[in-house]
Amino acid sequence: MATNHTTHYDLNQWQATDQVLRTDFNADNAKIDAALAETAAAIPSILTGTYTGDGEEVRTISLPFSPRAVFVCTQWGETSYYSPGCYYGYGGLALAGKPARIVYGGGGSVSSADFITITVSGFQVVCQEQSGIKAYSNVRNEVYHYIAIA
């Protein structure tokens, strides 16, 4: 049995005169295994990918996990563009419960549209137009890049 133990995980530290026991090694290995599992669970999963827009009004991009955050941009790195009278939203950052949203206040009125929304199985993108807003995170034949964090 070990005389001393490590500070953080209470692992055995033998002195030259200590009797070494197999059960001490097994107990240490169980502590190390548990600590590694806890550490691995705390590291977020990160997934990168691309999709080509299909022009559908609403489209779900499936992922192997429910993300906490998703960032989308065009293959040129664009997330938005403004021209007089219209705001274009191609990508941006969406968080769980906080979709990427375009807000445009032209002509005395305010319009808004969610254009990237996190779902349980991935995220949704759109190709929609309304007064002063073009939510274009799913334009036909446009290539988009994304990074998703679990």
Protein backbone atom coordinates (compact mmCIF):
# COMPACT_ATOMS: atom_id res chain seq x y z
CA MET A 1 0.00 0.00 0.00
CA ALA A 2 1.30 3.45 -0.96
CA THR A 3 2.38 5.87 1.74
CA ASN A 4 1.78 9.02 -0.36
CA HIS A 5 -0.82 10.16 -2.89
CA THR A 6 -0.91 12.79 -5.63
CA THR A 7 -2.54 16.14 -4.88
CA HIS A 8 -5.20 16.30 -7.58
CA TYR A 9 -6.38 12.74 -8.22
CA ASP A 10 -5.24 10.95 -5.07
CA LEU A 11 -3.15 8.48 -7.09
CA ASN A 12 -0.74 6.20 -5.26
CA GLN A 13 2.86 7.35 -4.79
CA TRP A 14 5.01 4.57 -3.37
CA GLN A 15 8.07 4.93 -1.22
CA ALA A 16 10.89 2.41 -1.61
CA THR A 17 9.71 0.60 1.52
CA ASP A 18 5.98 0.43 0.51
CA GLN A 19 4.44 -2.84 -0.53
CA VAL A 20 3.07 -2.52 -4.07
CA LEU A 21 -0.44 -4.00 -4.47
CA ARG A 22 -2.27 -4.83 -7.69
CA THR A 23 -5.48 -3.36 -6.23
CA ASP A 24 -3.73 0.02 -5.88
CA PHE A 25 -2.91 0.01 -9.61
CA ASN A 26 -6.49 -0.95 -10.49
CA ALA A 27 -7.88 1.85 -8.30
CA ASP A 28 -5.51 4.37 -9.92
CA ASN A 29 -6.48 3.23 -13.41
CA ALA A 30 -10.18 3.65 -12.56
CA LYS A 31 -9.53 7.23 -11.34
CA ILE A 32 -7.54 8.06 -14.47
CA ASP A 33 -10.22 6.56 -16.72
CA ALA A 34 -12.95 8.60 -15.01
CA ALA A 35 -10.90 11.83 -15.24
CA LEU A 36 -10.21 11.28 -18.95
CA ALA A 37 -13.89 10.57 -19.66
CA GLU A 38 -14.91 13.76 -17.84
CA THR A 39 -12.35 15.78 -19.80
CA ALA A 40 -13.44 14.29 -23.13
CA ALA A 41 -17.09 15.10 -22.38
CA ALA A 42 -16.17 18.74 -21.72
CA ILE A 43 -14.46 19.22 -25.10
CA PRO A 44 -16.96 20.54 -27.65
CA SER A 45 -17.46 18.72 -30.92
CA ILE A 46 -16.67 20.92 -33.91
CA LEU A 47 -17.83 20.09 -37.41
CA THR A 48 -17.10 21.98 -40.61
CA GLY A 49 -18.77 21.46 -43.92
CA THR A 50 -20.34 22.89 -47.03
CA TYR A 51 -23.71 22.73 -48.70
CA THR A 52 -24.95 23.95 -52.04
CA GLY A 53 -28.16 25.92 -51.90
CA ASP A 54 -31.21 24.33 -53.49
CA GLY A 55 -33.40 27.46 -53.55
CA GLU A 56 -36.08 25.95 -51.29
CA GLU A 57 -37.78 28.42 -48.98
CA VAL A 58 -36.73 26.44 -45.86
CA ARG A 59 -34.12 23.70 -45.77
CA THR A 60 -32.65 21.68 -42.89
CA ILE A 61 -28.95 20.84 -42.88
CA SER A 62 -28.62 17.66 -40.79
CA LEU A 63 -25.74 17.19 -38.36
CA PRO A 64 -24.79 14.27 -36.10
CA PHE A 65 -25.50 16.45 -33.03
CA SER A 66 -27.64 19.35 -31.87
CA PRO A 67 -25.34 22.37 -32.17
CA ARG A 68 -24.98 25.17 -29.64
CA ALA A 69 -23.64 27.49 -32.35
CA VAL A 70 -23.49 27.56 -36.15
CA PHE A 71 -21.68 30.06 -38.36
CA VAL A 72 -22.53 30.17 -42.08
CA CYS A 73 -21.00 32.21 -44.91
CA THR A 74 -20.81 32.04 -48.68
CA GLN A 75 -17.77 30.43 -50.27
CA TRP A 76 -16.39 33.98 -50.63
CA GLY A 77 -16.81 34.65 -46.90
CA GLU A 78 -19.83 36.93 -47.25
CA THR A 79 -22.47 37.09 -44.55
CA SER A 80 -24.43 40.16 -45.63
CA TYR A 81 -24.71 42.93 -48.18
CA TYR A 82 -26.62 46.21 -48.25
CA SER A 83 -27.73 48.13 -51.29
CA PRO A 84 -30.07 51.11 -51.13
CA GLY A 85 -33.52 49.85 -50.24
CA CYS A 86 -32.56 46.24 -49.58
CA TYR A 87 -30.54 44.18 -47.10
CA TYR A 88 -29.21 40.75 -48.14
CA GLY A 89 -28.41 38.15 -45.48
CA TYR A 90 -26.29 35.23 -46.69
CA GLY A 91 -24.91 33.93 -43.42
CA GLY A 92 -23.97 34.77 -39.87
CA LEU A 93 -23.87 33.33 -36.37
CA ALA A 94 -26.83 31.49 -34.88
CA LEU A 95 -26.91 30.25 -31.29
CA ALA A 96 -29.31 27.79 -29.72
CA GLY A 97 -32.50 29.78 -29.21
CA LYS A 98 -30.96 32.83 -30.94
CA PRO A 99 -31.31 32.61 -34.73
CA ALA A 100 -29.31 34.76 -37.12
CA ARG A 101 -31.75 37.53 -38.03
CA ILE A 102 -31.88 40.32 -40.60
CA VAL A 103 -33.45 43.58 -39.50
CA TYR A 104 -34.12 46.33 -42.01
CA GLY A 105 -35.77 49.66 -41.26
CA GLY A 106 -36.38 51.27 -44.63
CA GLY A 107 -39.26 53.52 -45.68
CA GLY A 108 -40.43 54.16 -42.12
CA SER A 109 -41.16 50.51 -41.29
CA VAL A 110 -39.08 47.75 -39.77
CA SER A 111 -38.87 44.26 -41.24
CA SER A 112 -37.00 41.26 -39.88
CA ALA A 113 -36.41 37.64 -40.85
CA ASP A 114 -34.63 34.71 -39.22
CA PHE A 115 -32.38 33.11 -41.82
CA ILE A 116 -30.28 30.59 -39.85
CA THR A 117 -31.98 28.69 -37.04
CA ILE A 118 -30.56 25.86 -34.92
CA THR A 119 -32.67 22.71 -34.69
CA VAL A 120 -32.36 19.52 -32.66
CA SER A 121 -30.81 17.71 -35.63
CA GLY A 122 -28.78 20.52 -37.24
CA PHE A 123 -29.79 23.92 -38.59
CA GLN A 124 -32.25 25.51 -41.00
CA VAL A 125 -31.44 27.93 -43.80
CA VAL A 126 -33.85 29.88 -45.99
CA CYS A 127 -34.34 31.54 -49.35
CA GLN A 128 -37.02 34.16 -48.73
CA GLU A 129 -37.78 37.70 -49.79
CA GLN A 130 -39.93 40.28 -48.11
CA SER A 131 -40.09 44.05 -47.93
CA GLY A 132 -36.50 45.29 -48.01
CA ILE A 133 -35.05 41.93 -46.94
CA LYS A 134 -33.57 39.05 -48.88
CA ALA A 135 -32.82 36.14 -46.53
CA TYR A 136 -30.48 34.19 -48.80
CA SER A 137 -28.80 31.41 -46.82
CA ASN A 138 -30.08 28.82 -49.33
CA VAL A 139 -29.82 30.39 -52.81
CA ARG A 140 -29.88 27.79 -55.61
CA ASN A 141 -26.38 26.71 -56.69
CA GLU A 142 -24.66 29.01 -54.15
CA VAL A 143 -21.97 27.22 -52.11
CA TYR A 144 -22.01 27.91 -48.38
CA HIS A 145 -19.46 27.00 -45.72
CA TYR A 146 -20.38 26.33 -42.10
CA ILE A 147 -18.84 25.53 -38.75
CA ALA A 148 -21.01 23.93 -36.07
CA ILE A 149 -20.13 23.57 -32.40
CA ALA A 150 -21.87 21.07 -30.11
